[in-house]
Each structure stands twice: as C-alpha cells, then as structure tokens.
Amino acid sequence: MTYFGMIGSYNHRRGEGTISPEKGGKALSFKKSDVQQANQEPQVGQRFTYETYEIYGGKKRAIYLQHEDEEASEIKN
C-alpha cells in the first residue's frame, strides 16, 4: 500500500532520515538507498510517497520513497 508523508529529518552524511505520515502516526525511518530517484537528496518538508516494511521486533520503516512531484509527472505522461 502506498502512503504519503513529509520528510521530517535527513542526515546527508549518514544517508538516513525520517518521514512523518500525513494521516498521523509515528515517524518512520528510511535510508537514502530507499529513495527511488538516486540523484535526489531528500529535503525536510518535501512530500514523498512510500511503502512500509516491517523489520525486527515489529518495527516499521519506509521504503520505495518517491518524490511526490516526480510521481505526479509520471502519471500525467
């Protein structure tokens, strides 16, 4: 299932950050390798779509992040 969220934090040196779900809930962690546009660095406040993946202990993280503007342009074409 695809969700929408805003980048809450991003550490460029570590390549890790958090995304806050638009519909509420706890922020999820993600890694730069989860961002679909390899040449794009996530910026705080940007809107992304994402999916979730359950990791150890039932904790979830965000995967397959795609910048919302990029996805909208793909749908229009």
C-alpha atoms as a PDB file:
ATOM      1  CA  MET A   1       0.000   0.000   0.000  1.00  0.00           C
ATOM      2  CA  THR A   2       1.280   3.468  -0.864  1.00  0.00           C
ATOM      3  CA  TYR A   3       1.286   6.239   1.754  1.00  0.00           C
ATOM      4  CA  PHE A   4       2.064   9.954   1.665  1.00  0.00           C
ATOM      5  CA  GLY A   5       4.334  11.740   4.093  1.00  0.00           C
ATOM      6  CA  MET A   6       6.667  14.661   4.664  1.00  0.00           C
ATOM      7  CA  ILE A   7      10.390  14.398   5.276  1.00  0.00           C
ATOM      8  CA  GLY A   8      10.883  15.311   8.936  1.00  0.00           C
ATOM      9  CA  SER A   9      14.654  14.977   9.104  1.00  0.00           C
ATOM     10  CA  TYR A  10      17.529  13.891   6.909  1.00  0.00           C
ATOM     11  CA  ASN A  11      21.216  13.462   7.725  1.00  0.00           C
ATOM     12  CA  HIS A  12      23.172  13.812   4.471  1.00  0.00           C
ATOM     13  CA  ARG A  13      26.365  12.341   5.940  1.00  0.00           C
ATOM     14  CA  ARG A  14      24.673   9.202   7.258  1.00  0.00           C
ATOM     15  CA  GLY A  15      22.159   8.904   4.409  1.00  0.00           C
ATOM     16  CA  GLU A  16      19.289   8.354   6.849  1.00  0.00           C
ATOM     17  CA  GLY A  17      16.173  10.249   7.787  1.00  0.00           C
ATOM     18  CA  THR A  18      12.571  10.132   8.941  1.00  0.00           C
ATOM     19  CA  ILE A  19       9.260  10.631   7.196  1.00  0.00           C
ATOM     20  CA  SER A  20       6.046  11.603   9.000  1.00  0.00           C
ATOM     21  CA  PRO A  21       2.830  10.015   7.696  1.00  0.00           C
ATOM     22  CA  GLU A  22       0.235  12.529   6.501  1.00  0.00           C
ATOM     23  CA  LYS A  23      -2.558  10.605   8.186  1.00  0.00           C
ATOM     24  CA  GLY A  24      -0.789  10.646  11.541  1.00  0.00           C
ATOM     25  CA  GLY A  25       1.246   8.138  13.445  1.00  0.00           C
ATOM     26  CA  LYS A  26       4.881   7.778  14.362  1.00  0.00           C
ATOM     27  CA  ALA A  27       7.620   8.951  12.029  1.00  0.00           C
ATOM     28  CA  LEU A  28       9.289   6.146  10.097  1.00  0.00           C
ATOM     29  CA  SER A  29      12.985   5.860   9.375  1.00  0.00           C
ATOM     30  CA  PHE A  30      14.388   5.446   5.860  1.00  0.00           C
ATOM     31  CA  LYS A  31      17.742   5.229   4.121  1.00  0.00           C
ATOM     32  CA  LYS A  32      18.985   7.097   1.053  1.00  0.00           C
ATOM     33  CA  SER A  33      19.036   3.777  -0.799  1.00  0.00           C
ATOM     34  CA  ASP A  34      15.214   3.658  -0.343  1.00  0.00           C
ATOM     35  CA  VAL A  35      14.761   6.860  -2.397  1.00  0.00           C
ATOM     36  CA  GLN A  36      13.827   5.916  -5.958  1.00  0.00           C
ATOM     37  CA  GLN A  37      15.457   8.975  -7.565  1.00  0.00           C
ATOM     38  CA  ALA A  38      19.089   8.063  -6.897  1.00  0.00           C
ATOM     39  CA  ASN A  39      20.346  11.533  -7.826  1.00  0.00           C
ATOM     40  CA  GLN A  40      17.997  13.356  -5.419  1.00  0.00           C
ATOM     41  CA  GLU A  41      18.769  14.190  -1.792  1.00  0.00           C
ATOM     42  CA  PRO A  42      15.589  14.366   0.329  1.00  0.00           C
ATOM     43  CA  GLN A  43      14.911  17.776   1.871  1.00  0.00           C
ATOM     44  CA  VAL A  44      12.993  18.475   5.077  1.00  0.00           C
ATOM     45  CA  GLY A  45       9.404  19.386   4.215  1.00  0.00           C
ATOM     46  CA  GLN A  46       9.273  17.592   0.860  1.00  0.00           C
ATOM     47  CA  ARG A  47       6.289  15.343   0.206  1.00  0.00           C
ATOM     48  CA  PHE A  48       7.032  11.742  -0.756  1.00  0.00           C
ATOM     49  CA  THR A  49       5.046   8.600  -1.386  1.00  0.00           C
ATOM     50  CA  TYR A  50       6.342   5.468   0.295  1.00  0.00           C
ATOM     51  CA  GLU A  51       5.552   1.922   1.305  1.00  0.00           C
ATOM     52  CA  THR A  52       6.332   0.277   4.616  1.00  0.00           C
ATOM     53  CA  TYR A  53       8.403  -2.732   5.544  1.00  0.00           C
ATOM     54  CA  GLU A  54       8.389  -4.467   8.902  1.00  0.00           C
ATOM     55  CA  ILE A  55      11.818  -5.013  10.428  1.00  0.00           C
ATOM     56  CA  TYR A  56      13.000  -6.748  13.601  1.00  0.00           C
ATOM     57  CA  GLY A  57      10.697  -6.560  16.571  1.00  0.00           C
ATOM     58  CA  GLY A  58       7.685  -5.470  14.523  1.00  0.00           C
ATOM     59  CA  LYS A  59       9.118  -2.000  13.917  1.00  0.00           C
ATOM     60  CA  LYS A  60       8.288  -0.469  10.519  1.00  0.00           C
ATOM     61  CA  ARG A  61      10.398   1.634   8.192  1.00  0.00           C
ATOM     62  CA  ALA A  62       9.672   3.460   4.959  1.00  0.00           C
ATOM     63  CA  ILE A  63      10.832   2.004   1.641  1.00  0.00           C
ATOM     64  CA  TYR A  64      10.409   2.867  -2.060  1.00  0.00           C
ATOM     65  CA  LEU A  65      10.276   6.611  -1.396  1.00  0.00           C
ATOM     66  CA  GLN A  66       9.369   8.657  -4.443  1.00  0.00           C
ATOM     67  CA  HIS A  67       9.234  12.442  -4.533  1.00  0.00           C
ATOM     68  CA  GLU A  68       5.593  13.404  -4.970  1.00  0.00           C
ATOM     69  CA  ASP A  69       6.286  15.836  -7.842  1.00  0.00           C
ATOM     70  CA  GLU A  70       8.091  13.117  -9.805  1.00  0.00           C
ATOM     71  CA  GLU A  71       5.225  10.664  -9.370  1.00  0.00           C
ATOM     72  CA  ALA A  72       2.628  13.246 -10.470  1.00  0.00           C
ATOM     73  CA  SER A  73       4.548  13.951 -13.682  1.00  0.00           C
ATOM     74  CA  GLU A  74       4.811  10.212 -14.436  1.00  0.00           C
ATOM     75  CA  ILE A  75       1.046   9.792 -14.042  1.00  0.00           C
ATOM     76  CA  LYS A  76       0.343  12.720 -16.409  1.00  0.00           C
ATOM     77  CA  ASN A  77       2.590  11.287 -19.181  1.00  0.00           C
END
